[in-house]
Amino acid sequence: MLIGDVARRSGVSARMLRHYESLGLVRPTGRTDSGYREYSSEDIRRIFHIESLRSLGLSLRDVRRALDDSGFAPAELVDDLIRQTRDRIAAETELLTRLRRIGAAQPAGWEEVLQTVALLQALGSKSAGTRQRAALSAVEEVPVPVEALAEAVLSESDPNVAGALRWALARSGEDALALLAEGLGSPAAEVRKRAVQSIAEIPHDEATALLRDALTHSDIAVRRYAALALGARGVADAVPTLIDMIVEERNDADAADALSTLASDPELADQIATGLLDRLSRGTMGAPARRRLAQALADIPGIRTSRALAELSHDEDRAVALTATYILKLRGARE
């Protein structure tokens, strides 16, 4: 079979067949009387083998070794090809993500495209200062896609940069919430923590709804952050978790402040007082926890609280009794 016929049958151009010949990959078995290359069925079979191996990503050098060197084992080369392919896919995925983010920014011209690219690169910088400046400029100078900000805040370990990113996200509207909600389901505890902290700073009803749902999250740290945020928003659902935090001495001062904020509502004040007193009445409660609960009653208004404090002023635990007595004096002075 002549080279033109082989090219049509195999899909390999005549030029490439000549290149294969120059490399010694495949040589036509013979020549016609006129001197034209003539390929045998075995030659054509080898050409198809070459193309099959090239389709796996093998270089022509490795293709030749695979076909001619019986000691050339495929395992190591295949593993290397897998690694290279994964790296290539990762690079292409990163490029696709960047293009989508640039598209989402809806640039009016190429100058804005360049600005967006520079800002996205800055968000991925190794320098914390550069990342922080990028987060701050994301709102004031160059609009950055919310997806990029959400991804950055969920992976940011520097507290100052994380604060700037949360600030930027809070000003980007509700679009970030779906992405942050996905972060709550992350297998990594740090990512879940960053997600709930970011949601807590977004002042929208949808964010409040996510925080309510987070009160039943399997991660206790997520539940605690959600409770603190909901307490500041006046949501009564947070009360049981806030009381638990006081008992367990986990951000107990912040939890007590949140209860105080909630107690500005008279109906909630009674509910909070009931919850605190219920915990105090449990015989298994340790002395330090009882003292913290007594202290938490200080900023809870109402007659019920005052009566409870009067009873606690005679408590068997001297520290609890002294705490209750001191709080009663303060309340009397205020009244």
C-alpha atoms as a PDB file:
ATOM      1  CA  MET A   1       0.000   0.000   0.000  1.00  0.00           C
ATOM      2  CA  LEU A   2       1.398   3.387  -0.998  1.00  0.00           C
ATOM      3  CA  ILE A   3       1.844   6.253   1.461  1.00  0.00           C
ATOM      4  CA  GLY A   4      -1.201   8.173   0.208  1.00  0.00           C
ATOM      5  CA  ASP A   5      -3.457   5.151   0.678  1.00  0.00           C
ATOM      6  CA  VAL A   6      -1.996   4.540   4.172  1.00  0.00           C
ATOM      7  CA  ALA A   7      -2.594   8.168   5.113  1.00  0.00           C
ATOM      8  CA  ARG A   8      -6.252   7.952   4.070  1.00  0.00           C
ATOM      9  CA  ARG A   9      -6.787   4.637   5.865  1.00  0.00           C
ATOM     10  CA  SER A  10      -5.005   5.498   9.096  1.00  0.00           C
ATOM     11  CA  GLY A  11      -5.818   9.193   9.392  1.00  0.00           C
ATOM     12  CA  VAL A  12      -2.097   9.941   9.770  1.00  0.00           C
ATOM     13  CA  SER A  13      -0.819  12.492   7.287  1.00  0.00           C
ATOM     14  CA  ALA A  14       1.842  11.573   4.762  1.00  0.00           C
ATOM     15  CA  ARG A  15       4.091  14.186   6.338  1.00  0.00           C
ATOM     16  CA  MET A  16       3.745  12.560   9.762  1.00  0.00           C
ATOM     17  CA  LEU A  17       4.403   9.113   8.274  1.00  0.00           C
ATOM     18  CA  ARG A  18       7.663  10.426   6.822  1.00  0.00           C
ATOM     19  CA  HIS A  19       8.486  11.867  10.267  1.00  0.00           C
ATOM     20  CA  TYR A  20       7.829   8.486  11.885  1.00  0.00           C
ATOM     21  CA  GLU A  21      10.177   6.937   9.336  1.00  0.00           C
ATOM     22  CA  SER A  22      12.936   9.469  10.095  1.00  0.00           C
ATOM     23  CA  LEU A  23      12.668   8.569  13.774  1.00  0.00           C
ATOM     24  CA  GLY A  24      12.778   4.861  13.054  1.00  0.00           C
ATOM     25  CA  LEU A  25       9.265   4.322  14.437  1.00  0.00           C
ATOM     26  CA  VAL A  26       7.939   2.652  11.297  1.00  0.00           C
ATOM     27  CA  ARG A  27       9.690   1.965   8.003  1.00  0.00           C
ATOM     28  CA  PRO A  28       7.892   0.804   4.889  1.00  0.00           C
ATOM     29  CA  THR A  29       8.762  -2.787   4.150  1.00  0.00           C
ATOM     30  CA  GLY A  30       9.579  -2.138   0.536  1.00  0.00           C
ATOM     31  CA  ARG A  31       9.610   0.148  -2.447  1.00  0.00           C
ATOM     32  CA  THR A  32       7.830  -0.016  -5.761  1.00  0.00           C
ATOM     33  CA  ASP A  33       9.735  -0.236  -9.046  1.00  0.00           C
ATOM     34  CA  SER A  34       9.317   3.497  -9.246  1.00  0.00           C
ATOM     35  CA  GLY A  35      10.861   3.990  -5.791  1.00  0.00           C
ATOM     36  CA  TYR A  36       7.654   4.847  -3.894  1.00  0.00           C
ATOM     37  CA  ARG A  37       7.263   3.692  -0.304  1.00  0.00           C
ATOM     38  CA  GLU A  38       5.180   0.560   0.031  1.00  0.00           C
ATOM     39  CA  TYR A  39       3.685  -0.396   3.373  1.00  0.00           C
ATOM     40  CA  SER A  40       2.771  -3.970   4.333  1.00  0.00           C
ATOM     41  CA  SER A  41      -0.186  -4.930   6.508  1.00  0.00           C
ATOM     42  CA  GLU A  42       2.269  -5.342   9.405  1.00  0.00           C
ATOM     43  CA  ASP A  43       3.550  -1.792   8.853  1.00  0.00           C
ATOM     44  CA  ILE A  44      -0.002  -0.460   8.924  1.00  0.00           C
ATOM     45  CA  ARG A  45      -0.709  -2.430  12.091  1.00  0.00           C
ATOM     46  CA  ARG A  46       2.336  -0.792  13.703  1.00  0.00           C
ATOM     47  CA  ILE A  47       1.092   2.658  12.659  1.00  0.00           C
ATOM     48  CA  PHE A  48      -2.211   2.008  14.434  1.00  0.00           C
ATOM     49  CA  HIS A  49      -0.286   0.876  17.528  1.00  0.00           C
ATOM     50  CA  ILE A  50       1.729   4.096  17.446  1.00  0.00           C
ATOM     51  CA  GLU A  51      -1.436   6.197  17.280  1.00  0.00           C
ATOM     52  CA  SER A  52      -3.048   4.217  20.110  1.00  0.00           C
ATOM     53  CA  LEU A  53      -0.072   4.826  22.402  1.00  0.00           C
ATOM     54  CA  ARG A  54       0.105   8.506  21.447  1.00  0.00           C
ATOM     55  CA  SER A  55      -3.561   8.851  22.407  1.00  0.00           C
ATOM     56  CA  LEU A  56      -2.534   7.941  25.973  1.00  0.00           C
ATOM     57  CA  GLY A  57      -0.107  10.845  26.063  1.00  0.00           C
ATOM     58  CA  LEU A  58       3.123   8.945  25.383  1.00  0.00           C
ATOM     59  CA  SER A  59       5.918  10.836  23.680  1.00  0.00           C
ATOM     60  CA  LEU A  60       7.232   9.412  20.389  1.00  0.00           C
ATOM     61  CA  ARG A  61      10.396   8.379  22.234  1.00  0.00           C
ATOM     62  CA  ASP A  62       8.353   6.370  24.753  1.00  0.00           C
ATOM     63  CA  VAL A  63       6.193   4.949  21.962  1.00  0.00           C
ATOM     64  CA  ARG A  64       9.290   3.547  20.297  1.00  0.00           C
ATOM     65  CA  ARG A  65      10.512   2.033  23.553  1.00  0.00           C
ATOM     66  CA  ALA A  66       7.094   0.504  24.224  1.00  0.00           C
ATOM     67  CA  LEU A  67       7.039  -1.170  20.792  1.00  0.00           C
ATOM     68  CA  ASP A  68      10.682  -2.218  20.534  1.00  0.00           C
ATOM     69  CA  ASP A  69      11.984  -2.699  24.088  1.00  0.00           C
ATOM     70  CA  SER A  70      10.546  -5.831  25.700  1.00  0.00           C
ATOM     71  CA  GLY A  71      12.016  -4.766  29.067  1.00  0.00           C
ATOM     72  CA  PHE A  72      10.162  -1.440  29.084  1.00  0.00           C
ATOM     73  CA  ALA A  73       7.398  -2.030  31.664  1.00  0.00           C
ATOM     74  CA  PRO A  74       4.275   0.149  31.358  1.00  0.00           C
ATOM     75  CA  ALA A  75       3.468   0.516  35.090  1.00  0.00           C
ATOM     76  CA  GLU A  76       5.873   3.344  35.951  1.00  0.00           C
ATOM     77  CA  LEU A  77       5.174   5.285  32.758  1.00  0.00           C
ATOM     78  CA  VAL A  78       1.403   4.946  33.154  1.00  0.00           C
ATOM     79  CA  ASP A  79       1.602   6.226  36.742  1.00  0.00           C
ATOM     80  CA  ASP A  80       3.588   9.203  35.510  1.00  0.00           C
ATOM     81  CA  LEU A  81       1.046   9.865  32.771  1.00  0.00           C
ATOM     82  CA  ILE A  82      -1.756   9.766  35.330  1.00  0.00           C
ATOM     83  CA  ARG A  83       0.064  12.358  37.444  1.00  0.00           C
ATOM     84  CA  GLN A  84       0.691  14.586  34.439  1.00  0.00           C
ATOM     85  CA  THR A  85      -2.934  14.320  33.362  1.00  0.00           C
ATOM     86  CA  ARG A  86      -4.176  15.221  36.821  1.00  0.00           C
ATOM     87  CA  ASP A  87      -1.867  18.237  36.891  1.00  0.00           C
ATOM     88  CA  ARG A  88      -3.110  19.281  33.469  1.00  0.00           C
ATOM     89  CA  ILE A  89      -6.760  18.886  34.488  1.00  0.00           C
ATOM     90  CA  ALA A  90      -6.125  20.912  37.653  1.00  0.00           C
ATOM     91  CA  ALA A  91      -4.504  23.675  35.612  1.00  0.00           C
ATOM     92  CA  GLU A  92      -7.340  23.688  33.089  1.00  0.00           C
ATOM     93  CA  THR A  93      -9.928  23.690  35.878  1.00  0.00           C
ATOM     94  CA  GLU A  94      -8.187  26.644  37.510  1.00  0.00           C
ATOM     95  CA  LEU A  95      -8.214  28.477  34.191  1.00  0.00           C
ATOM     96  CA  LEU A  96     -11.906  27.690  33.670  1.00  0.00           C
ATOM     97  CA  THR A  97     -12.714  28.944  37.173  1.00  0.00           C
ATOM     98  CA  ARG A  98     -10.791  32.162  36.559  1.00  0.00           C
ATOM     99  CA  LEU A  99     -12.559  32.741  33.226  1.00  0.00           C
ATOM    100  CA  ARG A 100     -15.960  32.182  34.835  1.00  0.00           C
ATOM    101  CA  ARG A 101     -15.142  34.658  37.576  1.00  0.00           C
ATOM    102  CA  ILE A 102     -14.012  37.263  35.089  1.00  0.00           C
ATOM    103  CA  GLY A 103     -17.245  36.678  33.173  1.00  0.00           C
ATOM    104  CA  ALA A 104     -19.273  37.040  36.356  1.00  0.00           C
ATOM    105  CA  ALA A 105     -17.647  40.429  37.007  1.00  0.00           C
ATOM    106  CA  GLN A 106     -19.118  41.602  33.670  1.00  0.00           C
ATOM    107  CA  PRO A 107     -16.160  43.756  32.674  1.00  0.00           C
ATOM    108  CA  ALA A 108     -16.944  46.644  30.342  1.00  0.00           C
ATOM    109  CA  GLY A 109     -13.530  46.534  28.674  1.00  0.00           C
ATOM    110  CA  TRP A 110     -10.151  44.861  28.685  1.00  0.00           C
ATOM    111  CA  GLU A 111      -8.828  47.295  31.279  1.00  0.00           C
ATOM    112  CA  GLU A 112     -11.392  45.972  33.742  1.00  0.00           C
ATOM    113  CA  VAL A 113     -10.474  42.406  32.752  1.00  0.00           C
ATOM    114  CA  LEU A 114      -6.840  43.122  33.627  1.00  0.00           C
ATOM    115  CA  GLN A 115      -7.855  44.710  36.938  1.00  0.00           C
ATOM    116  CA  THR A 116     -10.004  41.715  37.843  1.00  0.00           C
ATOM    117  CA  VAL A 117      -7.212  39.285  36.976  1.00  0.00           C
ATOM    118  CA  ALA A 118      -4.765  41.270  39.115  1.00  0.00           C
ATOM    119  CA  LEU A 119      -7.190  41.244  42.041  1.00  0.00           C
ATOM    120  CA  LEU A 120      -7.838  37.502  41.751  1.00  0.00           C
ATOM    121  CA  GLN A 121      -4.093  36.905  41.730  1.00  0.00           C
ATOM    122  CA  ALA A 122      -3.708  39.131  44.791  1.00  0.00           C
ATOM    123  CA  LEU A 123      -6.341  37.128  46.662  1.00  0.00           C
ATOM    124  CA  GLY A 124      -4.193  34.041  46.077  1.00  0.00           C
ATOM    125  CA  SER A 125      -0.936  35.734  47.091  1.00  0.00           C
ATOM    126  CA  LYS A 126       1.350  34.230  49.744  1.00  0.00           C
ATOM    127  CA  SER A 127       1.517  37.660  51.396  1.00  0.00           C
ATOM    128  CA  ALA A 128      -1.185  38.249  54.006  1.00  0.00           C
ATOM    129  CA  GLY A 129      -0.917  42.006  53.488  1.00  0.00           C
ATOM    130  CA  THR A 130      -1.499  41.646  49.768  1.00  0.00           C
ATOM    131  CA  ARG A 131      -4.523  39.418  50.353  1.00  0.00           C
ATOM    132  CA  GLN A 132      -5.958  41.874  52.876  1.00  0.00           C
ATOM    133  CA  ARG A 133      -5.549  44.853  50.532  1.00  0.00           C
ATOM    134  CA  ALA A 134      -7.193  42.835  47.759  1.00  0.00           C
ATOM    135  CA  ALA A 135     -10.169  42.020  49.997  1.00  0.00           C
ATOM    136  CA  LEU A 136     -10.648  45.668  50.929  1.00  0.00           C
ATOM    137  CA  SER A 137     -10.353  46.881  47.347  1.00  0.00           C
ATOM    138  CA  ALA A 138     -12.817  44.207  46.200  1.00  0.00           C
ATOM    139  CA  VAL A 139     -15.647  46.436  47.377  1.00  0.00           C
ATOM    140  CA  GLU A 140     -14.310  49.924  46.772  1.00  0.00           C
ATOM    141  CA  GLU A 141     -12.322  49.632  43.541  1.00  0.00           C
ATOM    142  CA  VAL A 142     -12.655  46.521  41.382  1.00  0.00           C
ATOM    143  CA  PRO A 143     -15.730  44.286  41.746  1.00  0.00           C
ATOM    144  CA  VAL A 144     -14.698  40.699  42.440  1.00  0.00           C
ATOM    145  CA  PRO A 145     -17.050  37.780  41.815  1.00  0.00           C
ATOM    146  CA  VAL A 146     -18.688  36.626  45.031  1.00  0.00           C
ATOM    147  CA  GLU A 147     -17.552  33.061  44.317  1.00  0.00           C
ATOM    148  CA  ALA A 148     -13.902  34.176  44.524  1.00  0.00           C
ATOM    149  CA  LEU A 149     -14.465  35.986  47.825  1.00  0.00           C
ATOM    150  CA  ALA A 150     -16.322  33.011  49.322  1.00  0.00           C
ATOM    151  CA  GLU A 151     -13.596  30.579  48.293  1.00  0.00           C
ATOM    152  CA  ALA A 152     -10.952  32.914  49.706  1.00  0.00           C
ATOM    153  CA  VAL A 153     -12.661  33.371  53.082  1.00  0.00           C
ATOM    154  CA  LEU A 154     -13.216  29.625  53.512  1.00  0.00           C
ATOM    155  CA  SER A 155      -9.511  28.939  53.005  1.00  0.00           C
ATOM    156  CA  GLU A 156      -8.068  31.968  54.817  1.00  0.00           C
ATOM    157  CA  SER A 157      -6.138  31.239  58.027  1.00  0.00           C
ATOM    158  CA  ASP A 158      -4.889  34.764  58.802  1.00  0.00           C
ATOM    159  CA  PRO A 159      -7.431  36.432  61.152  1.00  0.00           C
ATOM    160  CA  ASN A 160      -6.893  39.957  59.785  1.00  0.00           C
ATOM    161  CA  VAL A 161      -7.298  38.868  56.169  1.00  0.00           C
ATOM    162  CA  ALA A 162     -10.307  36.728  57.104  1.00  0.00           C
ATOM    163  CA  GLY A 163     -11.936  39.744  58.761  1.00  0.00           C
ATOM    164  CA  ALA A 164     -11.426  41.848  55.636  1.00  0.00           C
ATOM    165  CA  LEU A 165     -12.856  39.087  53.442  1.00  0.00           C
ATOM    166  CA  ARG A 166     -15.927  38.704  55.672  1.00  0.00           C
ATOM    167  CA  TRP A 167     -16.410  42.476  55.505  1.00  0.00           C
ATOM    168  CA  ALA A 168     -16.265  42.357  51.716  1.00  0.00           C
ATOM    169  CA  LEU A 169     -18.668  39.423  51.553  1.00  0.00           C
ATOM    170  CA  ALA A 170     -21.156  41.131  53.867  1.00  0.00           C
ATOM    171  CA  ARG A 171     -21.339  43.983  51.369  1.00  0.00           C
ATOM    172  CA  SER A 172     -21.761  41.747  48.364  1.00  0.00           C
ATOM    173  CA  GLY A 173     -25.372  40.861  49.176  1.00  0.00           C
ATOM    174  CA  GLU A 174     -27.062  37.494  49.553  1.00  0.00           C
ATOM    175  CA  ASP A 175     -25.316  35.835  46.611  1.00  0.00           C
ATOM    176  CA  ALA A 176     -22.546  34.524  48.875  1.00  0.00           C
ATOM    177  CA  LEU A 177     -24.868  32.626  51.198  1.00  0.00           C
ATOM    178  CA  ALA A 178     -25.345  29.545  49.021  1.00  0.00           C
ATOM    179  CA  LEU A 179     -21.581  29.136  48.723  1.00  0.00           C
ATOM    180  CA  LEU A 180     -21.062  29.653  52.453  1.00  0.00           C
ATOM    181  CA  ALA A 181     -23.830  27.151  53.212  1.00  0.00           C
ATOM    182  CA  GLU A 182     -21.817  24.576  51.279  1.00  0.00           C
ATOM    183  CA  GLY A 183     -18.896  25.411  53.557  1.00  0.00           C
ATOM    184  CA  LEU A 184     -20.981  24.376  56.569  1.00  0.00           C
ATOM    185  CA  GLY A 185     -21.021  20.871  55.129  1.00  0.00           C
ATOM    186  CA  SER A 186     -17.263  20.676  54.670  1.00  0.00           C
ATOM    187  CA  PRO A 187     -15.438  17.714  56.270  1.00  0.00           C
ATOM    188  CA  ALA A 188     -12.860  20.206  57.594  1.00  0.00           C
ATOM    189  CA  ALA A 189     -13.724  21.787  60.966  1.00  0.00           C
ATOM    190  CA  GLU A 190     -11.835  25.003  60.171  1.00  0.00           C
ATOM    191  CA  VAL A 191     -13.790  25.500  56.963  1.00  0.00           C
ATOM    192  CA  ARG A 192     -17.093  24.998  58.815  1.00  0.00           C
ATOM    193  CA  LYS A 193     -16.001  27.549  61.406  1.00  0.00           C
ATOM    194  CA  ARG A 194     -15.067  30.107  58.747  1.00  0.00           C
ATOM    195  CA  ALA A 195     -18.374  29.525  56.966  1.00  0.00           C
ATOM    196  CA  VAL A 196     -20.551  30.188  60.021  1.00  0.00           C
ATOM    197  CA  GLN A 197     -18.472  33.217  61.011  1.00  0.00           C
ATOM    198  CA  SER A 198     -18.939  34.658  57.525  1.00  0.00           C
ATOM    199  CA  ILE A 199     -22.684  33.981  57.499  1.00  0.00           C
ATOM    200  CA  ALA A 200     -22.943  35.695  60.889  1.00  0.00           C
ATOM    201  CA  GLU A 201     -21.732  38.977  59.374  1.00  0.00           C
ATOM    202  CA  ILE A 202     -24.240  39.055  56.514  1.00  0.00           C
ATOM    203  CA  PRO A 203     -27.264  41.146  57.617  1.00  0.00           C
ATOM    204  CA  HIS A 204     -30.020  39.415  55.667  1.00  0.00           C
ATOM    205  CA  ASP A 205     -33.015  37.289  56.598  1.00  0.00           C
ATOM    206  CA  GLU A 206     -31.643  34.411  54.540  1.00  0.00           C
ATOM    207  CA  ALA A 207     -28.468  34.508  56.642  1.00  0.00           C
ATOM    208  CA  THR A 208     -30.563  34.399  59.804  1.00  0.00           C
ATOM    209  CA  ALA A 209     -32.389  31.348  58.469  1.00  0.00           C
ATOM    210  CA  LEU A 210     -29.075  29.600  57.808  1.00  0.00           C
ATOM    211  CA  LEU A 211     -27.931  30.414  61.335  1.00  0.00           C
ATOM    212  CA  ARG A 212     -31.157  28.967  62.753  1.00  0.00           C
ATOM    213  CA  ASP A 213     -30.503  25.754  60.871  1.00  0.00           C
ATOM    214  CA  ALA A 214     -26.935  25.769  62.153  1.00  0.00           C
ATOM    215  CA  LEU A 215     -28.218  25.485  65.743  1.00  0.00           C
ATOM    216  CA  THR A 216     -28.800  21.783  65.043  1.00  0.00           C
ATOM    217  CA  HIS A 217     -25.497  21.252  63.228  1.00  0.00           C
ATOM    218  CA  SER A 218     -23.457  18.202  64.220  1.00  0.00           C
ATOM    219  CA  ASP A 219     -20.436  20.435  64.887  1.00  0.00           C
ATOM    220  CA  ILE A 220     -20.791  22.007  68.330  1.00  0.00           C
ATOM    221  CA  ALA A 221     -18.477  24.876  67.375  1.00  0.00           C
ATOM    222  CA  VAL A 222     -20.835  25.784  64.507  1.00  0.00           C
ATOM    223  CA  ARG A 223     -23.791  25.677  66.899  1.00  0.00           C
ATOM    224  CA  ARG A 224     -22.040  28.034  69.326  1.00  0.00           C
ATOM    225  CA  TYR A 225     -21.055  30.602  66.702  1.00  0.00           C
ATOM    226  CA  ALA A 226     -24.583  30.494  65.292  1.00  0.00           C
ATOM    227  CA  ALA A 227     -26.088  31.035  68.747  1.00  0.00           C
ATOM    228  CA  LEU A 228     -23.926  34.078  69.435  1.00  0.00           C
ATOM    229  CA  ALA A 229     -24.870  35.614  66.095  1.00  0.00           C
ATOM    230  CA  LEU A 230     -28.574  34.874  66.568  1.00  0.00           C
ATOM    231  CA  GLY A 231     -28.489  36.309  70.092  1.00  0.00           C
ATOM    232  CA  ALA A 232     -27.218  39.588  68.673  1.00  0.00           C
ATOM    233  CA  ARG A 233     -30.116  39.478  66.178  1.00  0.00           C
ATOM    234  CA  GLY A 234     -32.698  38.935  68.895  1.00  0.00           C
ATOM    235  CA  VAL A 235     -33.604  35.361  67.915  1.00  0.00           C
ATOM    236  CA  ALA A 236     -34.954  33.396  70.891  1.00  0.00           C
ATOM    237  CA  ASP A 237     -34.010  30.018  69.396  1.00  0.00           C
ATOM    238  CA  ALA A 238     -30.434  30.697  70.494  1.00  0.00           C
ATOM    239  CA  VAL A 239     -31.223  30.747  74.237  1.00  0.00           C
ATOM    240  CA  PRO A 240     -30.697  27.027  75.062  1.00  0.00           C
ATOM    241  CA  THR A 241     -27.330  26.920  73.280  1.00  0.00           C
ATOM    242  CA  LEU A 242     -26.207  30.157  74.944  1.00  0.00           C
ATOM    243  CA  ILE A 243     -27.049  28.750  78.366  1.00  0.00           C
ATOM    244  CA  ASP A 244     -25.140  25.575  77.508  1.00  0.00           C
ATOM    245  CA  MET A 245     -22.120  27.718  76.644  1.00  0.00           C
ATOM    246  CA  ILE A 246     -22.236  29.368  80.066  1.00  0.00           C
ATOM    247  CA  VAL A 247     -22.454  26.020  81.816  1.00  0.00           C
ATOM    248  CA  GLU A 248     -19.644  24.534  79.726  1.00  0.00           C
ATOM    249  CA  GLU A 249     -17.487  27.701  80.015  1.00  0.00           C
ATOM    250  CA  ARG A 250     -17.196  28.122  76.249  1.00  0.00           C
ATOM    251  CA  ASN A 251     -17.216  31.825  75.339  1.00  0.00           C
ATOM    252  CA  ASP A 252     -19.382  32.175  78.432  1.00  0.00           C
ATOM    253  CA  ALA A 253     -18.884  35.948  78.714  1.00  0.00           C
ATOM    254  CA  ASP A 254     -20.016  36.448  75.100  1.00  0.00           C
ATOM    255  CA  ALA A 255     -22.936  34.081  75.678  1.00  0.00           C
ATOM    256  CA  ALA A 256     -24.004  36.061  78.767  1.00  0.00           C
ATOM    257  CA  ASP A 257     -23.824  39.296  76.755  1.00  0.00           C
ATOM    258  CA  ALA A 258     -26.002  37.737  74.053  1.00  0.00           C
ATOM    259  CA  LEU A 259     -28.565  36.689  76.671  1.00  0.00           C
ATOM    260  CA  SER A 260     -28.523  40.217  78.040  1.00  0.00           C
ATOM    261  CA  THR A 261     -29.289  41.570  74.566  1.00  0.00           C
ATOM    262  CA  LEU A 262     -32.151  39.116  74.137  1.00  0.00           C
ATOM    263  CA  ALA A 263     -33.511  39.960  77.593  1.00  0.00           C
ATOM    264  CA  SER A 264     -34.371  43.492  76.453  1.00  0.00           C
ATOM    265  CA  ASP A 265     -37.582  41.823  75.273  1.00  0.00           C
ATOM    266  CA  PRO A 266     -39.678  41.253  78.468  1.00  0.00           C
ATOM    267  CA  GLU A 267     -41.114  37.967  77.186  1.00  0.00           C
ATOM    268  CA  LEU A 268     -37.656  36.656  76.370  1.00  0.00           C
ATOM    269  CA  ALA A 269     -36.361  37.876  79.728  1.00  0.00           C
ATOM    270  CA  ASP A 270     -38.744  35.493  81.519  1.00  0.00           C
ATOM    271  CA  GLN A 271     -37.787  32.640  79.189  1.00  0.00           C
ATOM    272  CA  ILE A 272     -34.073  33.266  79.787  1.00  0.00           C
ATOM    273  CA  ALA A 273     -34.535  33.512  83.555  1.00  0.00           C
ATOM    274  CA  THR A 274     -36.465  30.238  83.546  1.00  0.00           C
ATOM    275  CA  GLY A 275     -33.713  28.529  81.580  1.00  0.00           C
ATOM    276  CA  LEU A 276     -30.938  29.786  83.857  1.00  0.00           C
ATOM    277  CA  LEU A 277     -32.844  28.866  87.019  1.00  0.00           C
ATOM    278  CA  ASP A 278     -33.651  25.417  85.658  1.00  0.00           C
ATOM    279  CA  ARG A 279     -29.942  24.764  85.239  1.00  0.00           C
ATOM    280  CA  LEU A 280     -29.178  26.117  88.700  1.00  0.00           C
ATOM    281  CA  SER A 281     -31.707  23.749  90.233  1.00  0.00           C
ATOM    282  CA  ARG A 282     -29.989  20.650  88.910  1.00  0.00           C
ATOM    283  CA  GLY A 283     -28.144  18.886  91.678  1.00  0.00           C
ATOM    284  CA  THR A 284     -25.385  17.606  89.410  1.00  0.00           C
ATOM    285  CA  MET A 285     -24.199  21.123  88.533  1.00  0.00           C
ATOM    286  CA  GLY A 286     -20.666  21.926  89.717  1.00  0.00           C
ATOM    287  CA  ALA A 287     -19.933  25.023  91.805  1.00  0.00           C
ATOM    288  CA  PRO A 288     -18.052  26.963  89.068  1.00  0.00           C
ATOM    289  CA  ALA A 289     -20.916  26.459  86.607  1.00  0.00           C
ATOM    290  CA  ARG A 290     -23.457  27.611  89.200  1.00  0.00           C
ATOM    291  CA  ARG A 291     -21.438  30.773  89.807  1.00  0.00           C
ATOM    292  CA  ARG A 292     -21.353  31.532  86.085  1.00  0.00           C
ATOM    293  CA  LEU A 293     -25.119  31.010  85.840  1.00  0.00           C
ATOM    294  CA  ALA A 294     -25.666  33.325  88.787  1.00  0.00           C
ATOM    295  CA  GLN A 295     -23.488  35.964  87.138  1.00  0.00           C
ATOM    296  CA  ALA A 296     -25.494  35.614  83.930  1.00  0.00           C
ATOM    297  CA  LEU A 297     -28.650  36.590  85.844  1.00  0.00           C
ATOM    298  CA  ALA A 298     -27.164  40.035  86.521  1.00  0.00           C
ATOM    299  CA  ASP A 299     -28.458  41.617  83.300  1.00  0.00           C
ATOM    300  CA  ILE A 300     -31.739  39.718  83.074  1.00  0.00           C
ATOM    301  CA  PRO A 301     -34.538  42.072  84.194  1.00  0.00           C
ATOM    302  CA  GLY A 302     -37.752  41.065  85.930  1.00  0.00           C
ATOM    303  CA  ILE A 303     -39.228  40.131  89.253  1.00  0.00           C
ATOM    304  CA  ARG A 304     -38.628  36.433  88.660  1.00  0.00           C
ATOM    305  CA  THR A 305     -34.891  37.050  88.375  1.00  0.00           C
ATOM    306  CA  SER A 306     -34.813  39.259  91.466  1.00  0.00           C
ATOM    307  CA  ARG A 307     -36.598  36.608  93.538  1.00  0.00           C
ATOM    308  CA  ALA A 308     -34.241  33.939  92.284  1.00  0.00           C
ATOM    309  CA  LEU A 309     -31.231  36.067  93.202  1.00  0.00           C
ATOM    310  CA  ALA A 310     -32.666  36.634  96.681  1.00  0.00           C
ATOM    311  CA  GLU A 311     -32.858  32.882  97.152  1.00  0.00           C
ATOM    312  CA  LEU A 312     -29.359  32.391  95.782  1.00  0.00           C
ATOM    313  CA  SER A 313     -28.000  34.935  98.267  1.00  0.00           C
ATOM    314  CA  HIS A 314     -28.514  32.194 100.879  1.00  0.00           C
ATOM    315  CA  ASP A 315     -27.022  29.426  98.740  1.00  0.00           C
ATOM    316  CA  GLU A 316     -24.861  26.768 100.357  1.00  0.00           C
ATOM    317  CA  ASP A 317     -22.036  27.688  98.004  1.00  0.00           C
ATOM    318  CA  ARG A 318     -20.583  30.834  99.548  1.00  0.00           C
ATOM    319  CA  ALA A 319     -19.257  32.091  96.198  1.00  0.00           C
ATOM    320  CA  VAL A 320     -22.712  31.760  94.629  1.00  0.00           C
ATOM    321  CA  ALA A 321     -24.333  33.482  97.625  1.00  0.00           C
ATOM    322  CA  LEU A 322     -21.866  36.382  97.508  1.00  0.00           C
ATOM    323  CA  THR A 323     -22.328  36.741  93.758  1.00  0.00           C
ATOM    324  CA  ALA A 324     -26.116  36.869  94.110  1.00  0.00           C
ATOM    325  CA  THR A 325     -25.912  39.369  96.982  1.00  0.00           C
ATOM    326  CA  TYR A 326     -23.619  41.646  94.984  1.00  0.00           C
ATOM    327  CA  ILE A 327     -25.897  41.498  91.927  1.00  0.00           C
ATOM    328  CA  LEU A 328     -28.936  42.349  94.051  1.00  0.00           C
ATOM    329  CA  LYS A 329     -27.151  45.447  95.386  1.00  0.00           C
ATOM    330  CA  LEU A 330     -26.337  46.550  91.868  1.00  0.00           C
ATOM    331  CA  ARG A 331     -29.904  46.008  90.717  1.00  0.00           C
ATOM    332  CA  GLY A 332     -31.181  47.941  93.741  1.00  0.00           C
ATOM    333  CA  ALA A 333     -28.855  50.836  92.973  1.00  0.00           C
ATOM    334  CA  ARG A 334     -30.027  50.939  89.339  1.00  0.00           C
ATOM    335  CA  GLU A 335     -33.669  50.882  90.363  1.00  0.00           C
END
